[in-house]
Amino acid sequence: MKKLLYLSLFFYCSNATIAQDLTMDSLSVLPYVEIEHTPEDYSGNSVLMRMIDGLGYRYYWGTEGLRPEDLAYDPGNKGATCQALIKHIYGLSEVIYNTVAQIPTERSSGVSDLSFEAYRTKTLHHLKAASEILRTNKELKLEECQIQFKREEKVSSAPFWNLMNGPLADAIYHTGQVVSYRRTTGNPINPLVSVFSGKNRSPKK
């Protein structure tokens, strides 16, 4: 419970505090270099945890080593730049975490833009925090985890199912776009990445 409380406090403090927390030693090692935990059962919580972990691994390597020219890539035809996709995936990861943690997502037009490194760090920790809740909280019932959006005093909600076909699937989709964009700009992902196993292959000697 202490760990979950810390994670909740970290992600929902002020923007200034978050900027400081991003330099803390406890956050210096990003999660999802590989998928660490294999669930022992096939419950709904475990299946969702594995889906989130799969997204985390794909996102880690899809964004590892991105250059300024990769982030600036614009496909044209009113498509989003790579940097815009990174920001959007961050927002989706926030909704994923909030839903599992049963916290309303606050909609505000006053949110400042962050650096790529900050978006990447916070996105990965959002996903890891959601995964850890699913792994450790055996009492969590997904049917009680509605998606909630709060704007000022008004709160709207949707069933948990919408998280899966909405933000979760959307984050996987857009991570694939980032991977495609960086290939176009001549900076493809590490060829040792194995999304099938969730662990990079060993280099050939």
N, C-alpha and C. Protein backbone atom coordinates (compact mmCIF):
# COMPACT_ATOMS: atom_id res chain seq x y z
N MET A 1 0.82 -1.21 0.00
CA MET A 1 0.00 0.00 0.00
C MET A 1 0.86 1.27 0.00
N LYS A 2 2.00 1.25 0.70
CA LYS A 2 2.87 2.43 0.72
C LYS A 2 3.38 2.74 -0.67
N LYS A 3 3.72 1.67 -1.42
CA LYS A 3 4.23 1.88 -2.78
C LYS A 3 3.16 2.48 -3.67
N LEU A 4 1.92 1.99 -3.55
CA LEU A 4 0.83 2.52 -4.36
C LEU A 4 0.52 3.95 -3.97
N LEU A 5 0.60 4.26 -2.69
CA LEU A 5 0.35 5.63 -2.24
C LEU A 5 1.41 6.56 -2.81
N TYR A 6 2.66 6.13 -2.80
CA TYR A 6 3.74 6.95 -3.35
C TYR A 6 3.51 7.22 -4.83
N LEU A 7 3.11 6.18 -5.55
CA LEU A 7 2.90 6.35 -6.99
C LEU A 7 1.75 7.32 -7.25
N SER A 8 0.69 7.20 -6.45
CA SER A 8 -0.45 8.11 -6.63
C SER A 8 -0.04 9.55 -6.36
N LEU A 9 0.73 9.76 -5.28
CA LEU A 9 1.16 11.10 -4.95
C LEU A 9 2.09 11.65 -6.02
N PHE A 10 2.95 10.79 -6.57
CA PHE A 10 3.90 11.25 -7.58
C PHE A 10 3.20 11.75 -8.83
N PHE A 11 2.26 10.97 -9.32
CA PHE A 11 1.66 11.32 -10.60
C PHE A 11 0.66 12.45 -10.51
N TYR A 12 0.17 12.77 -9.32
CA TYR A 12 -0.87 13.78 -9.25
C TYR A 12 -0.53 14.95 -8.35
N CYS A 13 0.76 15.25 -8.26
CA CYS A 13 1.19 16.47 -7.61
C CYS A 13 1.27 17.58 -8.64
N SER A 14 1.77 18.73 -8.27
CA SER A 14 1.81 19.87 -9.19
C SER A 14 2.82 19.65 -10.29
N ASN A 15 2.67 20.40 -11.41
CA ASN A 15 3.61 20.29 -12.52
C ASN A 15 5.03 20.61 -12.08
N ALA A 16 5.21 21.60 -11.22
CA ALA A 16 6.55 21.97 -10.77
C ALA A 16 7.20 20.84 -10.00
N THR A 17 6.43 20.20 -9.12
CA THR A 17 6.96 19.08 -8.34
C THR A 17 7.28 17.91 -9.24
N ILE A 18 6.43 17.65 -10.23
CA ILE A 18 6.68 16.57 -11.15
C ILE A 18 7.99 16.79 -11.88
N ALA A 19 8.24 18.01 -12.33
CA ALA A 19 9.48 18.31 -13.03
C ALA A 19 10.68 18.00 -12.16
N GLN A 20 10.58 18.28 -10.84
CA GLN A 20 11.67 17.97 -9.93
C GLN A 20 11.78 16.47 -9.71
N ASP A 21 10.65 15.79 -9.57
CA ASP A 21 10.67 14.36 -9.30
C ASP A 21 11.29 13.57 -10.45
N LEU A 22 11.22 14.11 -11.66
CA LEU A 22 11.77 13.39 -12.79
C LEU A 22 13.27 13.23 -12.70
N THR A 23 13.93 13.99 -11.82
CA THR A 23 15.38 13.88 -11.67
C THR A 23 15.75 12.99 -10.49
N MET A 24 14.78 12.47 -9.78
CA MET A 24 15.06 11.65 -8.61
C MET A 24 15.72 10.34 -9.01
N ASP A 25 16.63 9.85 -8.16
CA ASP A 25 17.34 8.60 -8.45
C ASP A 25 16.37 7.44 -8.60
N SER A 26 15.25 7.48 -7.86
CA SER A 26 14.30 6.37 -7.91
C SER A 26 13.62 6.24 -9.26
N LEU A 27 13.70 7.30 -10.09
CA LEU A 27 13.06 7.27 -11.40
C LEU A 27 14.08 7.28 -12.53
N SER A 28 15.35 7.20 -12.18
CA SER A 28 16.39 7.32 -13.19
C SER A 28 16.47 6.09 -14.09
N VAL A 29 16.09 4.93 -13.57
CA VAL A 29 16.08 3.70 -14.37
C VAL A 29 14.66 3.47 -14.86
N LEU A 30 14.45 3.59 -16.15
CA LEU A 30 13.11 3.47 -16.71
C LEU A 30 12.67 2.01 -16.76
N PRO A 31 11.39 1.76 -16.50
CA PRO A 31 10.87 0.39 -16.62
C PRO A 31 10.68 -0.01 -18.08
N TYR A 32 10.53 -1.30 -18.28
CA TYR A 32 10.18 -1.91 -19.57
C TYR A 32 11.33 -2.06 -20.55
N VAL A 33 12.56 -2.14 -20.03
CA VAL A 33 13.64 -2.63 -20.89
C VAL A 33 13.26 -4.03 -21.36
N GLU A 34 12.57 -4.74 -20.51
CA GLU A 34 11.98 -6.04 -20.86
C GLU A 34 10.75 -6.24 -20.01
N ILE A 35 9.94 -7.23 -20.35
CA ILE A 35 8.77 -7.57 -19.54
C ILE A 35 9.24 -8.47 -18.41
N GLU A 36 9.04 -8.01 -17.18
CA GLU A 36 9.63 -8.68 -16.03
C GLU A 36 8.77 -9.79 -15.44
N HIS A 37 7.48 -9.58 -15.39
CA HIS A 37 6.61 -10.50 -14.65
C HIS A 37 5.69 -11.28 -15.58
N THR A 38 5.65 -12.58 -15.40
CA THR A 38 4.69 -13.43 -16.10
C THR A 38 3.62 -13.84 -15.11
N PRO A 39 2.37 -13.48 -15.32
CA PRO A 39 1.31 -13.82 -14.37
C PRO A 39 1.19 -15.34 -14.18
N GLU A 40 0.78 -15.72 -12.99
CA GLU A 40 0.61 -17.14 -12.69
C GLU A 40 -0.79 -17.64 -13.03
N ASP A 41 -1.69 -16.74 -13.32
CA ASP A 41 -3.06 -17.13 -13.65
C ASP A 41 -3.51 -16.36 -14.88
N TYR A 42 -4.70 -16.68 -15.34
CA TYR A 42 -5.26 -16.04 -16.53
C TYR A 42 -6.53 -15.26 -16.20
N SER A 43 -6.51 -14.62 -15.06
CA SER A 43 -7.64 -13.79 -14.65
C SER A 43 -7.68 -12.54 -15.51
N GLY A 44 -8.82 -11.82 -15.45
CA GLY A 44 -8.94 -10.59 -16.20
C GLY A 44 -7.86 -9.59 -15.82
N ASN A 45 -7.54 -9.49 -14.52
CA ASN A 45 -6.51 -8.56 -14.06
C ASN A 45 -5.14 -8.91 -14.64
N SER A 46 -4.83 -10.21 -14.68
CA SER A 46 -3.54 -10.65 -15.19
C SER A 46 -3.42 -10.43 -16.69
N VAL A 47 -4.51 -10.69 -17.41
CA VAL A 47 -4.50 -10.47 -18.86
C VAL A 47 -4.30 -9.00 -19.18
N LEU A 48 -5.00 -8.12 -18.44
CA LEU A 48 -4.85 -6.70 -18.66
C LEU A 48 -3.43 -6.25 -18.31
N MET A 49 -2.89 -6.79 -17.22
CA MET A 49 -1.53 -6.45 -16.82
C MET A 49 -0.55 -6.79 -17.94
N ARG A 50 -0.70 -7.95 -18.54
CA ARG A 50 0.21 -8.36 -19.60
C ARG A 50 0.06 -7.47 -20.84
N MET A 51 -1.15 -7.04 -21.14
CA MET A 51 -1.35 -6.14 -22.27
C MET A 51 -0.65 -4.80 -22.02
N ILE A 52 -0.76 -4.30 -20.80
CA ILE A 52 -0.10 -3.04 -20.46
C ILE A 52 1.41 -3.21 -20.51
N ASP A 53 1.91 -4.34 -20.00
CA ASP A 53 3.35 -4.60 -20.05
C ASP A 53 3.84 -4.70 -21.49
N GLY A 54 3.03 -5.32 -22.34
CA GLY A 54 3.40 -5.41 -23.75
C GLY A 54 3.51 -4.03 -24.38
N LEU A 55 2.57 -3.15 -24.04
CA LEU A 55 2.62 -1.78 -24.52
C LEU A 55 3.86 -1.08 -23.99
N GLY A 56 4.15 -1.27 -22.69
CA GLY A 56 5.31 -0.63 -22.09
C GLY A 56 6.61 -1.02 -22.79
N TYR A 57 6.76 -2.30 -23.08
CA TYR A 57 7.97 -2.78 -23.77
C TYR A 57 8.05 -2.20 -25.17
N ARG A 58 6.97 -2.20 -25.90
CA ARG A 58 6.96 -1.63 -27.25
C ARG A 58 7.28 -0.13 -27.21
N TYR A 59 6.69 0.56 -26.23
CA TYR A 59 6.90 2.01 -26.15
C TYR A 59 8.34 2.32 -25.76
N TYR A 60 8.89 1.57 -24.81
CA TYR A 60 10.27 1.82 -24.38
C TYR A 60 11.21 1.78 -25.58
N TRP A 61 11.13 0.70 -26.36
CA TRP A 61 12.07 0.54 -27.47
C TRP A 61 11.66 1.35 -28.69
N GLY A 62 10.37 1.62 -28.81
CA GLY A 62 9.92 2.47 -29.91
C GLY A 62 10.39 3.91 -29.76
N THR A 63 10.64 4.33 -28.51
CA THR A 63 11.06 5.72 -28.25
C THR A 63 12.52 5.82 -27.83
N GLU A 64 13.19 4.71 -27.65
CA GLU A 64 14.59 4.73 -27.24
C GLU A 64 15.47 5.30 -28.36
N GLY A 65 16.25 6.32 -28.02
CA GLY A 65 17.19 6.87 -28.98
C GLY A 65 16.59 7.78 -30.03
N LEU A 66 15.39 8.30 -29.80
CA LEU A 66 14.80 9.23 -30.76
C LEU A 66 15.61 10.53 -30.80
N ARG A 67 15.86 11.03 -31.98
CA ARG A 67 16.62 12.25 -32.19
C ARG A 67 15.68 13.43 -32.43
N PRO A 68 16.17 14.65 -32.31
CA PRO A 68 15.32 15.82 -32.60
C PRO A 68 14.68 15.75 -33.98
N GLU A 69 15.44 15.28 -34.97
CA GLU A 69 14.88 15.19 -36.32
C GLU A 69 13.79 14.13 -36.42
N ASP A 70 13.89 13.07 -35.58
CA ASP A 70 12.82 12.06 -35.55
C ASP A 70 11.55 12.64 -34.95
N LEU A 71 11.71 13.39 -33.86
CA LEU A 71 10.56 13.98 -33.17
C LEU A 71 9.87 15.02 -34.03
N ALA A 72 10.64 15.69 -34.88
CA ALA A 72 10.07 16.75 -35.72
C ALA A 72 9.41 16.22 -36.98
N TYR A 73 9.54 14.92 -37.25
CA TYR A 73 9.01 14.37 -38.50
C TYR A 73 7.51 14.60 -38.62
N ASP A 74 7.10 15.11 -39.77
CA ASP A 74 5.70 15.40 -40.07
C ASP A 74 5.33 14.66 -41.35
N PRO A 75 4.38 13.72 -41.29
CA PRO A 75 4.02 12.95 -42.49
C PRO A 75 3.23 13.74 -43.51
N GLY A 76 2.78 14.94 -43.15
CA GLY A 76 1.97 15.74 -44.07
C GLY A 76 0.51 15.33 -44.01
N ASN A 77 -0.29 15.91 -44.89
CA ASN A 77 -1.73 15.61 -44.94
C ASN A 77 -2.42 15.80 -43.59
N LYS A 78 -1.98 16.81 -42.86
CA LYS A 78 -2.55 17.16 -41.55
C LYS A 78 -2.33 16.08 -40.50
N GLY A 79 -1.36 15.21 -40.72
CA GLY A 79 -1.03 14.19 -39.73
C GLY A 79 -0.24 14.79 -38.57
N ALA A 80 -0.19 14.08 -37.46
CA ALA A 80 0.52 14.58 -36.28
C ALA A 80 2.02 14.33 -36.43
N THR A 81 2.82 15.23 -35.88
CA THR A 81 4.26 15.01 -35.84
C THR A 81 4.56 13.91 -34.83
N CYS A 82 5.77 13.40 -34.87
CA CYS A 82 6.17 12.37 -33.90
C CYS A 82 6.09 12.93 -32.48
N GLN A 83 6.53 14.16 -32.28
CA GLN A 83 6.46 14.79 -30.95
C GLN A 83 5.01 14.88 -30.47
N ALA A 84 4.09 15.20 -31.37
CA ALA A 84 2.68 15.27 -30.99
C ALA A 84 2.15 13.90 -30.59
N LEU A 85 2.61 12.85 -31.27
CA LEU A 85 2.20 11.49 -30.91
C LEU A 85 2.71 11.13 -29.52
N ILE A 86 3.93 11.52 -29.21
CA ILE A 86 4.51 11.25 -27.89
C ILE A 86 3.65 11.89 -26.80
N LYS A 87 3.23 13.13 -27.05
CA LYS A 87 2.37 13.82 -26.08
C LYS A 87 1.02 13.12 -25.95
N HIS A 88 0.46 12.68 -27.07
CA HIS A 88 -0.84 12.01 -27.05
C HIS A 88 -0.76 10.68 -26.30
N ILE A 89 0.30 9.92 -26.54
CA ILE A 89 0.46 8.63 -25.84
C ILE A 89 0.61 8.86 -24.34
N TYR A 90 1.29 9.94 -23.97
CA TYR A 90 1.39 10.28 -22.55
C TYR A 90 0.00 10.47 -21.94
N GLY A 91 -0.87 11.21 -22.63
CA GLY A 91 -2.22 11.41 -22.13
C GLY A 91 -3.00 10.12 -22.01
N LEU A 92 -2.81 9.22 -22.98
CA LEU A 92 -3.47 7.92 -22.93
C LEU A 92 -2.96 7.09 -21.75
N SER A 93 -1.67 7.15 -21.51
CA SER A 93 -1.09 6.39 -20.38
C SER A 93 -1.63 6.90 -19.05
N GLU A 94 -1.89 8.20 -18.99
CA GLU A 94 -2.46 8.78 -17.78
C GLU A 94 -3.87 8.24 -17.54
N VAL A 95 -4.66 8.14 -18.61
CA VAL A 95 -6.02 7.60 -18.47
C VAL A 95 -5.97 6.13 -18.05
N ILE A 96 -5.03 5.37 -18.61
CA ILE A 96 -4.89 3.95 -18.25
C ILE A 96 -4.58 3.82 -16.77
N TYR A 97 -3.60 4.58 -16.30
CA TYR A 97 -3.25 4.51 -14.88
C TYR A 97 -4.42 4.97 -14.00
N ASN A 98 -5.00 6.11 -14.34
CA ASN A 98 -6.09 6.65 -13.52
C ASN A 98 -7.25 5.68 -13.40
N THR A 99 -7.57 5.00 -14.50
CA THR A 99 -8.71 4.08 -14.49
C THR A 99 -8.43 2.90 -13.56
N VAL A 100 -7.24 2.33 -13.67
CA VAL A 100 -6.89 1.20 -12.80
C VAL A 100 -6.79 1.64 -11.34
N ALA A 101 -6.27 2.86 -11.12
CA ALA A 101 -6.14 3.39 -9.76
C ALA A 101 -7.45 3.99 -9.25
N GLN A 102 -8.48 4.03 -10.12
CA GLN A 102 -9.80 4.55 -9.78
C GLN A 102 -9.73 6.03 -9.38
N ILE A 103 -9.04 6.79 -10.23
CA ILE A 103 -8.88 8.24 -10.04
C ILE A 103 -9.44 8.94 -11.28
N PRO A 104 -10.26 9.96 -11.14
CA PRO A 104 -10.74 10.70 -12.32
C PRO A 104 -9.59 11.39 -13.05
N THR A 105 -9.65 11.39 -14.34
CA THR A 105 -8.68 12.13 -15.15
C THR A 105 -9.18 13.54 -15.33
N GLU A 106 -8.41 14.50 -14.88
CA GLU A 106 -8.83 15.90 -14.96
C GLU A 106 -8.47 16.48 -16.32
N ARG A 107 -9.44 17.07 -16.97
CA ARG A 107 -9.25 17.71 -18.25
C ARG A 107 -8.98 19.20 -18.02
N SER A 108 -7.85 19.67 -18.49
CA SER A 108 -7.49 21.07 -18.30
C SER A 108 -6.74 21.57 -19.53
N SER A 109 -7.08 22.76 -19.97
CA SER A 109 -6.42 23.36 -21.12
C SER A 109 -5.13 24.07 -20.71
N GLY A 110 -4.85 24.11 -19.41
CA GLY A 110 -3.68 24.85 -18.93
C GLY A 110 -2.45 24.00 -18.71
N VAL A 111 -2.43 22.77 -19.23
CA VAL A 111 -1.29 21.89 -19.04
C VAL A 111 -0.14 22.32 -19.94
N SER A 112 1.03 22.51 -19.35
CA SER A 112 2.19 22.95 -20.12
C SER A 112 2.80 21.78 -20.87
N ASP A 113 3.44 22.08 -22.00
CA ASP A 113 4.16 21.06 -22.74
C ASP A 113 5.41 20.66 -21.96
N LEU A 114 5.75 19.38 -22.04
CA LEU A 114 6.94 18.87 -21.39
C LEU A 114 7.97 18.52 -22.45
N SER A 115 9.18 18.24 -22.03
CA SER A 115 10.20 17.78 -22.96
C SER A 115 9.90 16.34 -23.37
N PHE A 116 10.52 15.90 -24.44
CA PHE A 116 10.36 14.50 -24.86
C PHE A 116 10.78 13.56 -23.75
N GLU A 117 11.91 13.84 -23.10
CA GLU A 117 12.40 12.97 -22.04
C GLU A 117 11.40 12.87 -20.89
N ALA A 118 10.77 14.01 -20.56
CA ALA A 118 9.79 14.01 -19.47
C ALA A 118 8.54 13.23 -19.86
N TYR A 119 8.04 13.43 -21.07
CA TYR A 119 6.88 12.67 -21.53
C TYR A 119 7.19 11.17 -21.51
N ARG A 120 8.35 10.81 -22.01
CA ARG A 120 8.72 9.38 -22.08
C ARG A 120 8.80 8.77 -20.68
N THR A 121 9.48 9.47 -19.78
CA THR A 121 9.63 8.97 -18.41
C THR A 121 8.28 8.80 -17.74
N LYS A 122 7.44 9.81 -17.82
CA LYS A 122 6.15 9.75 -17.15
C LYS A 122 5.23 8.70 -17.78
N THR A 123 5.30 8.56 -19.10
CA THR A 123 4.47 7.55 -19.77
C THR A 123 4.83 6.16 -19.29
N LEU A 124 6.12 5.84 -19.26
CA LEU A 124 6.56 4.52 -18.84
C LEU A 124 6.20 4.25 -17.38
N HIS A 125 6.32 5.26 -16.53
CA HIS A 125 5.97 5.07 -15.12
C HIS A 125 4.47 5.00 -14.90
N HIS A 126 3.69 5.69 -15.72
CA HIS A 126 2.24 5.51 -15.66
C HIS A 126 1.87 4.06 -15.93
N LEU A 127 2.44 3.51 -17.00
CA LEU A 127 2.12 2.13 -17.39
C LEU A 127 2.59 1.15 -16.34
N LYS A 128 3.79 1.36 -15.81
CA LYS A 128 4.32 0.45 -14.79
C LYS A 128 3.48 0.51 -13.53
N ALA A 129 3.06 1.70 -13.13
CA ALA A 129 2.24 1.84 -11.93
C ALA A 129 0.91 1.11 -12.09
N ALA A 130 0.29 1.24 -13.27
CA ALA A 130 -0.97 0.54 -13.52
C ALA A 130 -0.76 -0.97 -13.47
N SER A 131 0.32 -1.44 -14.07
CA SER A 131 0.63 -2.87 -14.06
C SER A 131 0.84 -3.39 -12.65
N GLU A 132 1.54 -2.60 -11.82
CA GLU A 132 1.81 -3.03 -10.45
C GLU A 132 0.54 -3.11 -9.62
N ILE A 133 -0.39 -2.20 -9.85
CA ILE A 133 -1.67 -2.28 -9.15
C ILE A 133 -2.37 -3.58 -9.51
N LEU A 134 -2.40 -3.91 -10.79
CA LEU A 134 -3.06 -5.13 -11.23
C LEU A 134 -2.36 -6.38 -10.70
N ARG A 135 -1.04 -6.30 -10.54
CA ARG A 135 -0.27 -7.46 -10.09
C ARG A 135 -0.40 -7.68 -8.59
N THR A 136 -0.48 -6.59 -7.83
CA THR A 136 -0.41 -6.72 -6.38
C THR A 136 -1.75 -6.60 -5.66
N ASN A 137 -2.70 -5.92 -6.27
CA ASN A 137 -4.00 -5.74 -5.61
C ASN A 137 -4.97 -6.83 -6.05
N LYS A 138 -5.00 -7.89 -5.31
CA LYS A 138 -5.84 -9.04 -5.67
C LYS A 138 -7.32 -8.77 -5.46
N GLU A 139 -7.64 -7.71 -4.74
CA GLU A 139 -9.04 -7.37 -4.47
C GLU A 139 -9.64 -6.46 -5.55
N LEU A 140 -8.82 -5.99 -6.46
CA LEU A 140 -9.30 -5.07 -7.48
C LEU A 140 -10.27 -5.76 -8.44
N LYS A 141 -11.43 -5.16 -8.63
CA LYS A 141 -12.44 -5.70 -9.55
C LYS A 141 -12.57 -4.76 -10.74
N LEU A 142 -12.25 -5.27 -11.93
CA LEU A 142 -12.23 -4.42 -13.11
C LEU A 142 -13.60 -3.82 -13.41
N GLU A 143 -14.66 -4.53 -13.07
CA GLU A 143 -16.00 -4.02 -13.35
C GLU A 143 -16.30 -2.75 -12.55
N GLU A 144 -15.50 -2.51 -11.51
CA GLU A 144 -15.69 -1.30 -10.70
C GLU A 144 -14.78 -0.16 -11.15
N CYS A 145 -13.92 -0.42 -12.11
CA CYS A 145 -12.94 0.58 -12.57
C CYS A 145 -13.46 1.33 -13.79
N GLN A 146 -14.37 2.22 -13.59
CA GLN A 146 -14.89 3.00 -14.70
C GLN A 146 -13.89 4.08 -15.11
N ILE A 147 -13.90 4.42 -16.40
CA ILE A 147 -13.12 5.56 -16.86
C ILE A 147 -13.88 6.82 -16.45
N GLN A 148 -13.21 7.72 -15.77
CA GLN A 148 -13.84 8.96 -15.32
C GLN A 148 -13.04 10.16 -15.80
N PHE A 149 -13.75 11.13 -16.35
CA PHE A 149 -13.13 12.38 -16.78
C PHE A 149 -13.76 13.52 -15.98
N LYS A 150 -12.92 14.39 -15.44
CA LYS A 150 -13.39 15.49 -14.62
C LYS A 150 -12.99 16.82 -15.24
N ARG A 151 -13.95 17.69 -15.45
CA ARG A 151 -13.69 19.05 -15.90
C ARG A 151 -14.40 19.99 -14.94
N GLU A 152 -13.61 20.73 -14.18
CA GLU A 152 -14.13 21.56 -13.09
C GLU A 152 -14.89 20.65 -12.12
N GLU A 153 -16.19 20.87 -11.95
CA GLU A 153 -16.94 20.05 -10.99
C GLU A 153 -17.74 18.93 -11.66
N LYS A 154 -17.69 18.86 -12.98
CA LYS A 154 -18.47 17.86 -13.70
C LYS A 154 -17.64 16.61 -13.97
N VAL A 155 -18.20 15.45 -13.64
CA VAL A 155 -17.52 14.17 -13.86
C VAL A 155 -18.36 13.30 -14.77
N SER A 156 -17.77 12.82 -15.86
CA SER A 156 -18.44 11.87 -16.75
C SER A 156 -17.72 10.54 -16.66
N SER A 157 -18.43 9.46 -16.94
CA SER A 157 -17.83 8.13 -16.81
C SER A 157 -18.26 7.21 -17.94
N ALA A 158 -17.47 6.15 -18.13
CA ALA A 158 -17.75 5.14 -19.13
C ALA A 158 -17.31 3.79 -18.58
N PRO A 159 -17.89 2.69 -19.07
CA PRO A 159 -17.52 1.37 -18.57
C PRO A 159 -16.05 1.04 -18.82
N PHE A 160 -15.52 0.13 -18.02
CA PHE A 160 -14.12 -0.27 -18.14
C PHE A 160 -13.79 -0.80 -19.53
N TRP A 161 -14.75 -1.45 -20.18
CA TRP A 161 -14.51 -2.00 -21.51
C TRP A 161 -13.96 -0.94 -22.46
N ASN A 162 -14.42 0.28 -22.29
CA ASN A 162 -13.99 1.36 -23.19
C ASN A 162 -12.50 1.67 -23.05
N LEU A 163 -11.92 1.32 -21.90
CA LEU A 163 -10.48 1.53 -21.73
C LEU A 163 -9.71 0.63 -22.70
N MET A 164 -10.21 -0.58 -22.91
CA MET A 164 -9.47 -1.54 -23.72
C MET A 164 -9.53 -1.21 -25.20
N ASN A 165 -10.72 -0.91 -25.71
CA ASN A 165 -10.82 -0.59 -27.14
C ASN A 165 -10.52 0.88 -27.41
N GLY A 166 -10.43 1.68 -26.33
CA GLY A 166 -10.12 3.10 -26.46
C GLY A 166 -8.66 3.39 -26.16
N PRO A 167 -8.34 3.97 -24.99
CA PRO A 167 -6.98 4.41 -24.69
C PRO A 167 -5.90 3.33 -24.82
N LEU A 168 -6.16 2.11 -24.37
CA LEU A 168 -5.13 1.07 -24.43
C LEU A 168 -4.80 0.70 -25.87
N ALA A 169 -5.83 0.39 -26.66
CA ALA A 169 -5.60 0.05 -28.06
C ALA A 169 -5.03 1.24 -28.83
N ASP A 170 -5.49 2.43 -28.48
CA ASP A 170 -5.01 3.64 -29.14
C ASP A 170 -3.52 3.87 -28.88
N ALA A 171 -3.08 3.62 -27.65
CA ALA A 171 -1.67 3.80 -27.30
C ALA A 171 -0.79 2.81 -28.06
N ILE A 172 -1.26 1.57 -28.21
CA ILE A 172 -0.51 0.58 -28.98
C ILE A 172 -0.42 1.02 -30.44
N TYR A 173 -1.53 1.49 -30.97
CA TYR A 173 -1.62 1.95 -32.37
C TYR A 173 -0.62 3.09 -32.63
N HIS A 174 -0.62 4.08 -31.74
CA HIS A 174 0.23 5.24 -31.94
C HIS A 174 1.71 4.93 -31.69
N THR A 175 1.99 3.98 -30.81
CA THR A 175 3.37 3.54 -30.63
C THR A 175 3.89 2.93 -31.93
N GLY A 176 3.04 2.19 -32.62
CA GLY A 176 3.42 1.67 -33.93
C GLY A 176 3.70 2.77 -34.93
N GLN A 177 2.95 3.87 -34.84
CA GLN A 177 3.21 5.01 -35.72
C GLN A 177 4.59 5.60 -35.46
N VAL A 178 4.95 5.73 -34.18
CA VAL A 178 6.27 6.26 -33.83
C VAL A 178 7.36 5.38 -34.44
N VAL A 179 7.19 4.07 -34.33
CA VAL A 179 8.16 3.13 -34.91
C VAL A 179 8.26 3.31 -36.42
N SER A 180 7.12 3.50 -37.07
CA SER A 180 7.10 3.70 -38.52
C SER A 180 7.77 5.02 -38.89
N TYR A 181 7.48 6.08 -38.14
CA TYR A 181 8.05 7.40 -38.42
C TYR A 181 9.58 7.36 -38.34
N ARG A 182 10.09 6.72 -37.27
CA ARG A 182 11.54 6.74 -37.09
C ARG A 182 12.26 5.91 -38.14
N ARG A 183 11.59 4.93 -38.67
CA ARG A 183 12.17 4.18 -39.78
C ARG A 183 12.26 5.08 -41.02
N THR A 184 11.22 5.88 -41.21
CA THR A 184 11.20 6.81 -42.34
C THR A 184 12.33 7.83 -42.25
N THR A 185 12.65 8.25 -41.03
CA THR A 185 13.71 9.25 -40.85
C THR A 185 15.09 8.61 -40.72
N GLY A 186 15.19 7.31 -40.98
CA GLY A 186 16.49 6.64 -41.00
C GLY A 186 17.03 6.24 -39.65
N ASN A 187 16.14 6.06 -38.67
CA ASN A 187 16.57 5.69 -37.32
C ASN A 187 15.68 4.57 -36.79
N PRO A 188 15.73 3.38 -37.41
CA PRO A 188 14.84 2.29 -36.99
C PRO A 188 15.17 1.80 -35.58
N ILE A 189 14.21 1.09 -34.98
CA ILE A 189 14.42 0.59 -33.61
C ILE A 189 15.50 -0.48 -33.60
N ASN A 190 15.97 -0.77 -32.41
CA ASN A 190 16.98 -1.80 -32.20
C ASN A 190 16.51 -3.12 -32.83
N PRO A 191 17.30 -3.71 -33.73
CA PRO A 191 16.86 -4.95 -34.39
C PRO A 191 16.78 -6.15 -33.47
N LEU A 192 17.30 -6.03 -32.25
CA LEU A 192 17.26 -7.14 -31.30
C LEU A 192 15.95 -7.17 -30.51
N VAL A 193 15.12 -6.16 -30.68
CA VAL A 193 13.84 -6.12 -29.96
C VAL A 193 12.96 -7.28 -30.42
N SER A 194 12.37 -7.98 -29.45
CA SER A 194 11.45 -9.08 -29.75
C SER A 194 10.14 -8.84 -29.03
N VAL A 195 9.16 -8.30 -29.75
CA VAL A 195 7.87 -8.04 -29.12
C VAL A 195 7.13 -9.34 -28.80
N PHE A 196 7.55 -10.44 -29.43
CA PHE A 196 6.93 -11.74 -29.15
C PHE A 196 7.31 -12.23 -27.75
N SER A 197 8.59 -12.14 -27.42
CA SER A 197 9.05 -12.65 -26.12
C SER A 197 9.04 -11.58 -25.03
N GLY A 198 9.03 -10.31 -25.44
CA GLY A 198 9.10 -9.23 -24.45
C GLY A 198 10.48 -9.07 -23.86
N LYS A 199 11.49 -9.57 -24.58
CA LYS A 199 12.88 -9.47 -24.14
C LYS A 199 13.76 -9.45 -25.36
N ASN A 200 14.74 -8.56 -25.38
CA ASN A 200 15.60 -8.45 -26.55
C ASN A 200 16.43 -9.70 -26.77
N ARG A 201 16.63 -10.02 -28.03
CA ARG A 201 17.48 -11.16 -28.38
C ARG A 201 18.94 -10.83 -28.10
N SER A 202 19.72 -11.87 -27.86
CA SER A 202 21.16 -11.67 -27.65
C SER A 202 21.82 -11.39 -28.99
N PRO A 203 22.79 -10.46 -29.02
CA PRO A 203 23.48 -10.20 -30.29
C PRO A 203 24.26 -11.41 -30.77
N LYS A 204 24.28 -11.59 -32.06
CA LYS A 204 25.03 -12.72 -32.64
C LYS A 204 26.52 -12.43 -32.56
N LYS A 205 27.28 -13.43 -32.19
CA LYS A 205 28.75 -13.27 -32.08
C LYS A 205 29.41 -13.68 -33.41
